[in-house]
N, C-alpha and C. Protein backbone atom coordinates (compact mmCIF):
# COMPACT_ATOMS: atom_id res chain seq x y z
N MET A 1 0.85 -1.18 0.00
CA MET A 1 0.00 0.00 0.00
C MET A 1 0.89 1.25 0.00
N SER A 2 0.51 2.25 -0.75
CA SER A 2 1.29 3.47 -0.79
C SER A 2 1.12 4.24 0.51
N VAL A 3 2.05 5.16 0.75
CA VAL A 3 1.99 5.99 1.96
C VAL A 3 0.69 6.77 2.00
N LYS A 4 0.29 7.34 0.87
CA LYS A 4 -0.94 8.14 0.81
C LYS A 4 -2.17 7.28 1.13
N ALA A 5 -2.21 6.07 0.58
CA ALA A 5 -3.34 5.16 0.85
C ALA A 5 -3.35 4.74 2.31
N ASP A 6 -2.17 4.49 2.89
CA ASP A 6 -2.06 4.15 4.31
C ASP A 6 -2.62 5.28 5.17
N MET A 7 -2.25 6.53 4.83
CA MET A 7 -2.71 7.68 5.60
C MET A 7 -4.23 7.83 5.50
N LYS A 8 -4.77 7.62 4.31
CA LYS A 8 -6.22 7.74 4.12
C LYS A 8 -6.95 6.67 4.93
N LYS A 9 -6.43 5.44 4.92
CA LYS A 9 -7.04 4.36 5.69
C LYS A 9 -6.97 4.66 7.18
N SER A 10 -5.80 5.12 7.65
CA SER A 10 -5.62 5.46 9.06
C SER A 10 -6.60 6.56 9.47
N SER A 11 -6.77 7.56 8.62
CA SER A 11 -7.69 8.66 8.91
C SER A 11 -9.13 8.15 8.99
N ARG A 12 -9.53 7.27 8.07
CA ARG A 12 -10.88 6.72 8.09
C ARG A 12 -11.11 5.91 9.36
N LEU A 13 -10.14 5.07 9.73
CA LEU A 13 -10.27 4.26 10.94
C LEU A 13 -10.36 5.16 12.18
N PHE A 14 -9.57 6.23 12.20
CA PHE A 14 -9.63 7.16 13.34
C PHE A 14 -11.02 7.77 13.45
N LEU A 15 -11.53 8.30 12.34
CA LEU A 15 -12.84 8.96 12.34
C LEU A 15 -13.98 8.00 12.67
N ASP A 16 -13.98 6.83 12.05
CA ASP A 16 -15.12 5.91 12.16
C ASP A 16 -15.09 5.00 13.38
N ILE A 17 -13.90 4.62 13.82
CA ILE A 17 -13.79 3.60 14.87
C ILE A 17 -13.15 4.12 16.16
N VAL A 18 -12.06 4.85 16.04
CA VAL A 18 -11.31 5.27 17.23
C VAL A 18 -11.98 6.46 17.92
N TRP A 19 -12.27 7.53 17.18
CA TRP A 19 -12.82 8.74 17.79
C TRP A 19 -14.09 8.46 18.60
N PRO A 20 -15.05 7.68 18.09
CA PRO A 20 -16.24 7.42 18.91
C PRO A 20 -15.90 6.77 20.26
N ALA A 21 -14.85 6.00 20.33
CA ALA A 21 -14.47 5.33 21.58
C ALA A 21 -13.72 6.24 22.56
N ILE A 22 -13.04 7.26 22.04
CA ILE A 22 -12.21 8.11 22.91
C ILE A 22 -12.76 9.53 23.05
N ARG A 23 -13.77 9.86 22.29
CA ARG A 23 -14.29 11.23 22.24
C ARG A 23 -14.55 11.82 23.62
N SER A 24 -15.26 11.11 24.47
CA SER A 24 -15.60 11.67 25.79
C SER A 24 -14.35 11.87 26.64
N LYS A 25 -13.38 10.98 26.52
CA LYS A 25 -12.14 11.13 27.29
C LYS A 25 -11.33 12.35 26.81
N CYS A 26 -11.50 12.69 25.56
CA CYS A 26 -10.80 13.85 25.00
C CYS A 26 -11.57 15.14 25.19
N GLY A 27 -12.69 15.10 25.90
CA GLY A 27 -13.43 16.31 26.17
C GLY A 27 -14.54 16.61 25.19
N GLY A 28 -14.82 15.67 24.29
CA GLY A 28 -15.91 15.86 23.33
C GLY A 28 -15.57 16.85 22.24
N GLY A 29 -16.59 17.53 21.78
CA GLY A 29 -16.40 18.49 20.69
C GLY A 29 -16.42 17.81 19.34
N GLU A 30 -16.00 18.55 18.36
CA GLU A 30 -15.97 18.05 16.98
C GLU A 30 -14.52 17.93 16.53
N ILE A 31 -14.31 17.10 15.52
CA ILE A 31 -12.95 16.99 14.96
C ILE A 31 -12.99 17.29 13.47
N ILE A 32 -11.88 17.84 13.01
CA ILE A 32 -11.72 18.17 11.60
C ILE A 32 -10.40 17.53 11.15
N PRO A 33 -10.47 16.52 10.29
CA PRO A 33 -9.22 15.93 9.79
C PRO A 33 -8.44 16.98 9.00
N VAL A 34 -7.17 17.09 9.26
CA VAL A 34 -6.34 18.10 8.60
C VAL A 34 -6.38 17.92 7.09
N GLU A 35 -6.44 16.67 6.62
CA GLU A 35 -6.43 16.42 5.18
C GLU A 35 -7.65 17.00 4.46
N THR A 36 -8.71 17.34 5.21
CA THR A 36 -9.92 17.88 4.58
C THR A 36 -9.91 19.41 4.51
N LEU A 37 -8.90 20.05 5.09
CA LEU A 37 -8.85 21.51 5.06
C LEU A 37 -8.66 21.99 3.63
N GLU A 38 -9.34 23.06 3.27
CA GLU A 38 -9.29 23.55 1.90
C GLU A 38 -7.93 24.10 1.52
N ASP A 39 -7.22 24.70 2.44
CA ASP A 39 -5.87 25.22 2.16
C ASP A 39 -4.90 24.05 2.29
N SER A 40 -4.64 23.37 1.19
CA SER A 40 -3.81 22.16 1.25
C SER A 40 -2.38 22.46 1.67
N ALA A 41 -1.87 23.66 1.37
CA ALA A 41 -0.51 24.02 1.80
C ALA A 41 -0.45 24.12 3.32
N LEU A 42 -1.44 24.73 3.93
CA LEU A 42 -1.49 24.83 5.38
C LEU A 42 -1.68 23.44 6.00
N ALA A 43 -2.58 22.66 5.43
CA ALA A 43 -2.82 21.31 5.93
C ALA A 43 -1.54 20.48 5.88
N GLU A 44 -0.81 20.59 4.80
CA GLU A 44 0.45 19.84 4.65
C GLU A 44 1.47 20.28 5.70
N GLN A 45 1.56 21.58 5.96
CA GLN A 45 2.50 22.07 6.97
C GLN A 45 2.08 21.66 8.37
N MET A 46 0.77 21.68 8.66
CA MET A 46 0.32 21.24 9.98
C MET A 46 0.67 19.77 10.19
N ASP A 47 0.52 18.97 9.15
CA ASP A 47 0.84 17.55 9.24
C ASP A 47 2.36 17.34 9.28
N MET A 48 3.06 17.85 8.29
CA MET A 48 4.49 17.57 8.15
C MET A 48 5.36 18.26 9.20
N LEU A 49 5.05 19.49 9.56
CA LEU A 49 5.88 20.22 10.50
C LEU A 49 5.44 20.08 11.95
N ALA A 50 4.12 20.14 12.17
CA ALA A 50 3.61 20.12 13.54
C ALA A 50 3.11 18.74 13.97
N GLY A 51 2.90 17.84 13.02
CA GLY A 51 2.44 16.49 13.36
C GLY A 51 0.97 16.43 13.75
N ILE A 52 0.21 17.42 13.33
CA ILE A 52 -1.22 17.46 13.67
C ILE A 52 -2.01 16.79 12.56
N ASP A 53 -2.76 15.75 12.94
CA ASP A 53 -3.58 15.01 11.98
C ASP A 53 -5.04 15.45 12.04
N VAL A 54 -5.46 15.93 13.21
CA VAL A 54 -6.86 16.28 13.44
C VAL A 54 -6.92 17.53 14.31
N TRP A 55 -7.84 18.45 13.97
CA TRP A 55 -8.15 19.58 14.84
C TRP A 55 -9.37 19.20 15.65
N GLN A 56 -9.29 19.39 16.96
CA GLN A 56 -10.44 19.19 17.83
C GLN A 56 -10.95 20.57 18.22
N THR A 57 -12.24 20.81 18.01
CA THR A 57 -12.84 22.09 18.37
C THR A 57 -13.99 21.86 19.33
N LYS A 58 -14.17 22.82 20.21
CA LYS A 58 -15.30 22.77 21.14
C LYS A 58 -15.85 24.18 21.24
N SER A 59 -17.08 24.34 20.80
CA SER A 59 -17.72 25.64 20.74
C SER A 59 -17.61 26.38 22.07
N GLY A 60 -17.14 27.61 22.00
CA GLY A 60 -17.02 28.44 23.19
C GLY A 60 -15.80 28.15 24.04
N GLU A 61 -15.03 27.14 23.70
CA GLU A 61 -13.85 26.78 24.51
C GLU A 61 -12.53 26.95 23.77
N GLY A 62 -12.44 26.42 22.54
CA GLY A 62 -11.20 26.54 21.80
C GLY A 62 -10.95 25.38 20.87
N CYS A 63 -9.70 25.25 20.45
CA CYS A 63 -9.32 24.16 19.56
C CYS A 63 -7.90 23.72 19.90
N ARG A 64 -7.59 22.49 19.52
CA ARG A 64 -6.25 21.96 19.74
C ARG A 64 -5.98 20.86 18.72
N GLY A 65 -4.70 20.57 18.55
CA GLY A 65 -4.29 19.55 17.60
C GLY A 65 -4.14 18.19 18.25
N ILE A 66 -4.43 17.16 17.46
CA ILE A 66 -4.26 15.78 17.90
C ILE A 66 -3.43 15.05 16.85
N ALA A 67 -2.45 14.29 17.32
CA ALA A 67 -1.71 13.38 16.45
C ALA A 67 -2.33 12.01 16.59
N SER A 68 -2.49 11.31 15.49
CA SER A 68 -3.07 9.97 15.60
C SER A 68 -2.22 8.97 14.81
N ARG A 69 -2.08 7.81 15.40
CA ARG A 69 -1.45 6.69 14.70
C ARG A 69 -2.36 5.50 14.94
N VAL A 70 -2.91 4.98 13.84
CA VAL A 70 -3.79 3.82 13.91
C VAL A 70 -3.10 2.70 13.15
N GLN A 71 -2.77 1.65 13.86
CA GLN A 71 -2.17 0.48 13.23
C GLN A 71 -3.27 -0.55 13.04
N SER A 72 -3.31 -1.14 11.85
CA SER A 72 -4.41 -2.04 11.54
C SER A 72 -3.91 -3.34 10.92
N GLY A 73 -4.81 -4.31 10.90
CA GLY A 73 -4.50 -5.60 10.32
C GLY A 73 -3.37 -6.30 11.06
N ALA A 74 -2.51 -6.97 10.32
CA ALA A 74 -1.40 -7.73 10.92
C ALA A 74 -0.45 -6.83 11.72
N ASN A 75 -0.35 -5.55 11.36
CA ASN A 75 0.52 -4.62 12.09
C ASN A 75 -0.03 -4.25 13.47
N ALA A 76 -1.29 -4.59 13.72
CA ALA A 76 -1.94 -4.20 14.98
C ALA A 76 -1.72 -5.20 16.10
N VAL A 77 -1.27 -6.40 15.76
CA VAL A 77 -1.19 -7.45 16.77
C VAL A 77 0.17 -8.17 16.74
N ASP A 78 0.51 -8.74 17.92
CA ASP A 78 1.73 -9.55 18.00
C ASP A 78 1.41 -10.97 17.52
N ARG A 79 2.36 -11.88 17.63
CA ARG A 79 2.16 -13.25 17.15
C ARG A 79 1.04 -13.98 17.88
N ALA A 80 0.75 -13.56 19.11
CA ALA A 80 -0.32 -14.18 19.90
C ALA A 80 -1.68 -13.53 19.62
N GLY A 81 -1.70 -12.53 18.72
CA GLY A 81 -2.95 -11.86 18.38
C GLY A 81 -3.35 -10.74 19.33
N ARG A 82 -2.42 -10.32 20.19
CA ARG A 82 -2.71 -9.22 21.13
C ARG A 82 -2.21 -7.89 20.55
N PRO A 83 -2.97 -6.81 20.82
CA PRO A 83 -2.48 -5.50 20.35
C PRO A 83 -1.20 -5.14 21.08
N TRP A 84 -0.35 -4.37 20.42
CA TRP A 84 0.97 -4.02 20.97
C TRP A 84 0.87 -3.14 22.22
N ASN A 85 -0.12 -2.26 22.28
CA ASN A 85 -0.32 -1.34 23.41
C ASN A 85 0.93 -0.54 23.75
N THR A 86 1.51 0.01 22.71
CA THR A 86 2.63 0.94 22.85
C THR A 86 2.38 2.14 21.94
N PHE A 87 2.97 3.26 22.30
CA PHE A 87 3.05 4.39 21.38
C PHE A 87 4.27 4.11 20.50
N THR A 88 4.14 4.30 19.21
CA THR A 88 5.30 4.14 18.33
C THR A 88 5.66 5.51 17.76
N ILE A 89 6.95 5.80 17.80
CA ILE A 89 7.44 7.11 17.35
C ILE A 89 8.59 6.88 16.38
N ARG A 90 8.47 7.40 15.17
CA ARG A 90 9.55 7.27 14.19
C ARG A 90 10.72 8.14 14.63
N ARG A 91 11.90 7.52 14.79
CA ARG A 91 13.10 8.24 15.26
C ARG A 91 14.09 8.59 14.16
N ARG A 92 14.26 7.68 13.22
CA ARG A 92 15.22 7.93 12.13
C ARG A 92 14.69 7.32 10.85
N ARG A 93 15.13 7.88 9.73
CA ARG A 93 14.80 7.35 8.40
C ARG A 93 16.08 7.17 7.62
N SER A 94 16.10 6.15 6.77
CA SER A 94 17.28 5.93 5.94
C SER A 94 17.52 7.11 5.00
N SER A 95 16.47 7.84 4.66
CA SER A 95 16.61 9.01 3.79
C SER A 95 17.26 10.19 4.49
N GLY A 96 17.30 10.14 5.82
CA GLY A 96 17.85 11.26 6.58
C GLY A 96 16.82 12.36 6.84
N ALA A 97 15.59 12.19 6.35
CA ALA A 97 14.53 13.19 6.57
C ALA A 97 14.25 13.32 8.07
N THR A 98 13.89 14.52 8.48
CA THR A 98 13.57 14.78 9.88
C THR A 98 12.34 13.96 10.28
N THR A 99 12.38 13.43 11.49
CA THR A 99 11.31 12.53 11.95
C THR A 99 10.42 13.18 13.01
N GLU A 100 9.35 12.46 13.36
CA GLU A 100 8.45 12.92 14.42
C GLU A 100 9.21 13.14 15.72
N TRP A 101 10.11 12.21 16.04
CA TRP A 101 10.89 12.32 17.27
C TRP A 101 11.63 13.65 17.31
N GLU A 102 12.36 13.94 16.26
CA GLU A 102 13.16 15.18 16.23
C GLU A 102 12.29 16.43 16.29
N LYS A 103 11.20 16.42 15.52
CA LYS A 103 10.32 17.60 15.49
C LYS A 103 9.64 17.84 16.83
N ARG A 104 9.10 16.77 17.43
CA ARG A 104 8.39 16.96 18.71
C ARG A 104 9.35 17.33 19.82
N VAL A 105 10.52 16.70 19.90
CA VAL A 105 11.49 17.04 20.95
C VAL A 105 11.88 18.51 20.82
N GLU A 106 12.16 18.96 19.61
CA GLU A 106 12.52 20.36 19.38
C GLU A 106 11.38 21.29 19.80
N ALA A 107 10.16 20.97 19.38
CA ALA A 107 9.01 21.84 19.70
C ALA A 107 8.76 21.89 21.20
N ILE A 108 8.85 20.76 21.86
CA ILE A 108 8.60 20.71 23.31
C ILE A 108 9.70 21.43 24.08
N GLN A 109 10.95 21.17 23.72
CA GLN A 109 12.06 21.79 24.45
C GLN A 109 12.17 23.28 24.17
N ALA A 110 11.95 23.69 22.93
CA ALA A 110 12.05 25.11 22.58
C ALA A 110 10.86 25.89 23.13
N GLY A 111 9.70 25.23 23.21
CA GLY A 111 8.51 25.87 23.76
C GLY A 111 7.94 26.97 22.90
N ARG A 112 8.29 26.99 21.63
CA ARG A 112 7.77 28.07 20.79
C ARG A 112 7.19 27.57 19.46
N TRP A 113 7.14 26.27 19.26
CA TRP A 113 6.60 25.72 18.03
C TRP A 113 5.33 24.94 18.33
N LEU A 114 4.44 24.92 17.37
CA LEU A 114 3.17 24.21 17.49
C LEU A 114 3.42 22.70 17.41
N TYR A 115 2.76 21.97 18.29
CA TYR A 115 2.77 20.51 18.22
C TYR A 115 1.44 20.01 18.76
N PRO A 116 1.08 18.76 18.49
CA PRO A 116 -0.22 18.26 18.95
C PRO A 116 -0.30 18.25 20.47
N TYR A 117 -1.41 18.71 21.00
CA TYR A 117 -1.60 18.67 22.45
C TYR A 117 -1.77 17.23 22.91
N LEU A 118 -2.52 16.45 22.14
CA LEU A 118 -2.74 15.04 22.47
C LEU A 118 -2.16 14.14 21.40
N THR A 119 -1.76 12.95 21.81
CA THR A 119 -1.35 11.90 20.88
C THR A 119 -2.22 10.68 21.16
N VAL A 120 -2.77 10.12 20.09
CA VAL A 120 -3.61 8.94 20.17
C VAL A 120 -2.94 7.81 19.42
N GLN A 121 -2.87 6.65 20.03
CA GLN A 121 -2.37 5.44 19.36
C GLN A 121 -3.47 4.40 19.49
N ALA A 122 -3.83 3.78 18.37
CA ALA A 122 -4.89 2.78 18.41
C ALA A 122 -4.51 1.57 17.57
N TYR A 123 -5.12 0.45 17.93
CA TYR A 123 -4.90 -0.82 17.23
C TYR A 123 -6.26 -1.35 16.80
N VAL A 124 -6.40 -1.56 15.49
CA VAL A 124 -7.66 -1.98 14.90
C VAL A 124 -7.42 -3.24 14.07
N TYR A 125 -8.31 -4.22 14.22
CA TYR A 125 -8.21 -5.45 13.44
C TYR A 125 -9.61 -5.77 12.92
N ASP A 126 -9.72 -6.04 11.63
CA ASP A 126 -11.02 -6.32 11.00
C ASP A 126 -12.05 -5.25 11.34
N ASP A 127 -11.63 -3.99 11.27
CA ASP A 127 -12.50 -2.85 11.56
C ASP A 127 -13.11 -2.87 12.96
N LYS A 128 -12.41 -3.51 13.90
CA LYS A 128 -12.82 -3.51 15.31
C LYS A 128 -11.67 -2.92 16.12
N LEU A 129 -12.01 -2.01 17.03
CA LEU A 129 -11.02 -1.42 17.90
C LEU A 129 -10.58 -2.44 18.94
N LEU A 130 -9.28 -2.75 18.95
CA LEU A 130 -8.74 -3.65 19.96
C LEU A 130 -8.35 -2.87 21.20
N SER A 131 -7.67 -1.74 21.01
CA SER A 131 -7.26 -0.90 22.13
C SER A 131 -6.86 0.47 21.60
N ALA A 132 -6.89 1.44 22.52
CA ALA A 132 -6.49 2.80 22.18
C ALA A 132 -5.95 3.48 23.42
N ALA A 133 -5.07 4.44 23.21
CA ALA A 133 -4.52 5.23 24.32
C ALA A 133 -4.47 6.69 23.90
N VAL A 134 -4.68 7.55 24.90
CA VAL A 134 -4.63 9.00 24.70
C VAL A 134 -3.67 9.55 25.76
N ALA A 135 -2.70 10.35 25.31
CA ALA A 135 -1.76 10.98 26.25
C ALA A 135 -1.46 12.40 25.78
N ARG A 136 -1.08 13.24 26.72
CA ARG A 136 -0.55 14.54 26.33
C ARG A 136 0.78 14.27 25.62
N THR A 137 0.97 14.89 24.50
CA THR A 137 2.19 14.67 23.71
C THR A 137 3.43 14.99 24.54
N ARG A 138 3.38 16.05 25.30
CA ARG A 138 4.51 16.43 26.16
C ARG A 138 4.85 15.31 27.13
N ASP A 139 3.85 14.70 27.76
CA ASP A 139 4.09 13.61 28.71
C ASP A 139 4.66 12.38 28.01
N LEU A 140 4.15 12.08 26.82
CA LEU A 140 4.64 10.94 26.05
C LEU A 140 6.12 11.10 25.74
N PHE A 141 6.51 12.27 25.25
CA PHE A 141 7.91 12.46 24.87
C PHE A 141 8.84 12.56 26.07
N ARG A 142 8.36 13.10 27.16
CA ARG A 142 9.18 13.10 28.38
C ARG A 142 9.41 11.67 28.86
N ALA A 143 8.38 10.83 28.79
CA ALA A 143 8.53 9.42 29.17
C ALA A 143 9.50 8.72 28.23
N ALA A 144 9.40 8.98 26.94
CA ALA A 144 10.29 8.35 25.96
C ALA A 144 11.75 8.77 26.20
N MET A 145 11.96 10.06 26.45
CA MET A 145 13.33 10.53 26.69
C MET A 145 13.88 9.98 28.00
N ASP A 146 13.02 9.82 29.00
CA ASP A 146 13.42 9.22 30.26
C ASP A 146 13.84 7.76 30.05
N LEU A 147 13.05 7.01 29.29
CA LEU A 147 13.41 5.63 28.98
C LEU A 147 14.74 5.56 28.23
N GLU A 148 14.94 6.50 27.31
CA GLU A 148 16.20 6.53 26.55
C GLU A 148 17.38 6.79 27.48
N GLU A 149 17.24 7.76 28.37
CA GLU A 149 18.33 8.07 29.31
C GLU A 149 18.68 6.88 30.20
N ARG A 150 17.68 6.07 30.55
CA ARG A 150 17.90 4.90 31.40
C ARG A 150 18.36 3.67 30.60
N GLY A 151 18.44 3.82 29.27
CA GLY A 151 18.81 2.68 28.44
C GLY A 151 17.70 1.65 28.32
N GLN A 152 16.44 2.07 28.53
CA GLN A 152 15.31 1.15 28.52
C GLN A 152 14.37 1.37 27.34
N LEU A 153 14.72 2.26 26.43
CA LEU A 153 13.85 2.54 25.30
C LEU A 153 14.02 1.45 24.26
N GLU A 154 12.92 0.78 23.92
CA GLU A 154 12.96 -0.26 22.88
C GLU A 154 12.91 0.43 21.52
N VAL A 155 13.87 0.09 20.67
CA VAL A 155 13.96 0.68 19.34
C VAL A 155 14.10 -0.46 18.34
N ARG A 156 13.30 -0.39 17.27
CA ARG A 156 13.38 -1.41 16.21
C ARG A 156 13.39 -0.74 14.86
N THR A 157 13.96 -1.44 13.90
CA THR A 157 14.00 -0.96 12.53
C THR A 157 12.96 -1.71 11.71
N ALA A 158 12.26 -0.98 10.85
CA ALA A 158 11.24 -1.58 9.99
C ALA A 158 11.41 -1.07 8.57
N ARG A 159 11.00 -1.88 7.61
CA ARG A 159 11.04 -1.48 6.20
C ARG A 159 9.87 -0.55 5.91
N GLU A 160 10.15 0.45 5.11
CA GLU A 160 9.12 1.35 4.59
C GLU A 160 9.34 1.40 3.09
N GLY A 161 8.72 0.46 2.40
CA GLY A 161 8.97 0.34 0.96
C GLY A 161 10.39 -0.11 0.74
N SER A 162 11.15 0.65 -0.05
CA SER A 162 12.55 0.29 -0.32
C SER A 162 13.50 0.89 0.71
N ARG A 163 12.98 1.61 1.66
CA ARG A 163 13.80 2.26 2.70
C ARG A 163 13.51 1.64 4.06
N TRP A 164 14.17 2.15 5.08
CA TRP A 164 13.94 1.69 6.44
C TRP A 164 13.71 2.89 7.35
N ALA A 165 13.11 2.61 8.48
CA ALA A 165 12.91 3.62 9.51
C ALA A 165 13.11 2.95 10.87
N GLU A 166 13.57 3.75 11.81
CA GLU A 166 13.77 3.26 13.17
C GLU A 166 12.64 3.82 14.03
N PHE A 167 11.99 2.93 14.80
CA PHE A 167 10.88 3.33 15.65
C PHE A 167 11.19 3.07 17.11
N ALA A 168 10.75 4.01 17.95
CA ALA A 168 10.81 3.83 19.41
C ALA A 168 9.45 3.34 19.85
N PHE A 169 9.45 2.42 20.82
CA PHE A 169 8.22 1.86 21.36
C PHE A 169 8.12 2.23 22.83
N VAL A 170 7.06 2.94 23.18
CA VAL A 170 6.86 3.40 24.56
C VAL A 170 5.60 2.72 25.10
N PRO A 171 5.76 1.79 26.04
CA PRO A 171 4.58 1.12 26.62
C PRO A 171 3.65 2.14 27.26
N TRP A 172 2.35 1.91 27.10
CA TRP A 172 1.37 2.85 27.62
C TRP A 172 1.52 3.08 29.11
N ASP A 173 1.87 2.04 29.84
CA ASP A 173 1.95 2.20 31.30
C ASP A 173 3.17 2.97 31.76
N ARG A 174 4.03 3.38 30.83
CA ARG A 174 5.21 4.18 31.19
C ARG A 174 4.96 5.68 31.01
N VAL A 175 3.77 6.04 30.54
CA VAL A 175 3.43 7.44 30.29
C VAL A 175 2.47 7.90 31.40
N PRO A 176 2.82 8.98 32.11
CA PRO A 176 1.92 9.45 33.18
C PRO A 176 0.58 9.94 32.61
N GLU A 177 -0.46 9.70 33.37
CA GLU A 177 -1.81 10.16 33.05
C GLU A 177 -2.31 9.72 31.68
N VAL A 178 -1.84 8.58 31.22
CA VAL A 178 -2.35 8.04 29.95
C VAL A 178 -3.71 7.42 30.21
N TRP A 179 -4.61 7.55 29.23
CA TRP A 179 -5.92 6.92 29.33
C TRP A 179 -5.96 5.83 28.27
N THR A 180 -6.38 4.64 28.66
CA THR A 180 -6.46 3.54 27.71
C THR A 180 -7.83 2.88 27.77
N THR A 181 -8.15 2.24 26.67
CA THR A 181 -9.35 1.43 26.60
C THR A 181 -8.99 0.17 25.85
N GLU A 182 -9.56 -0.93 26.24
CA GLU A 182 -9.33 -2.17 25.52
C GLU A 182 -10.69 -2.79 25.24
N HIS A 183 -10.83 -3.29 24.05
CA HIS A 183 -12.07 -3.91 23.63
C HIS A 183 -11.77 -5.34 23.21
N ALA A 184 -12.73 -6.18 23.37
CA ALA A 184 -12.56 -7.57 22.96
C ALA A 184 -12.40 -7.61 21.43
N ALA A 185 -11.53 -8.48 20.97
CA ALA A 185 -11.29 -8.62 19.54
C ALA A 185 -12.48 -9.28 18.87
């Protein structure tokens, strides 16, 4: 599957399956997928630079960005058929392109760049939600950097077409104030 098709599928799964399950935990309101914004240049920059996949709005209160990663099918489960229940963060690419890890760490540490307020990771199999987690992006990255400093951060390399990428895996229970839900497969 192409990257664009993967993103479209992930967005559909988030809107149709994940958001209904996490909406109340995220404070309700409405969501606007970034890919549907009419200014495609702005939408591309919000996605590529800030990592925002969805805008959450709540009338009379405000709006904020959400990053979402929905893993589906065989990528959603381990060999025993259980969801991974980790946040996955791309750390390096064989192309040398800047990754989510680098962008979020810079934005959080500098304190002057836009980044998603929340990060959602979900696992879907056969269009059924297996599990999902919601965390403040700042808390997720602080937990990841803490694991790295302790030498406990799990990092694996995966193929992305003809290239490779390195991913960090952060167990949900290592992130403070994370909210999770698990559903029967």
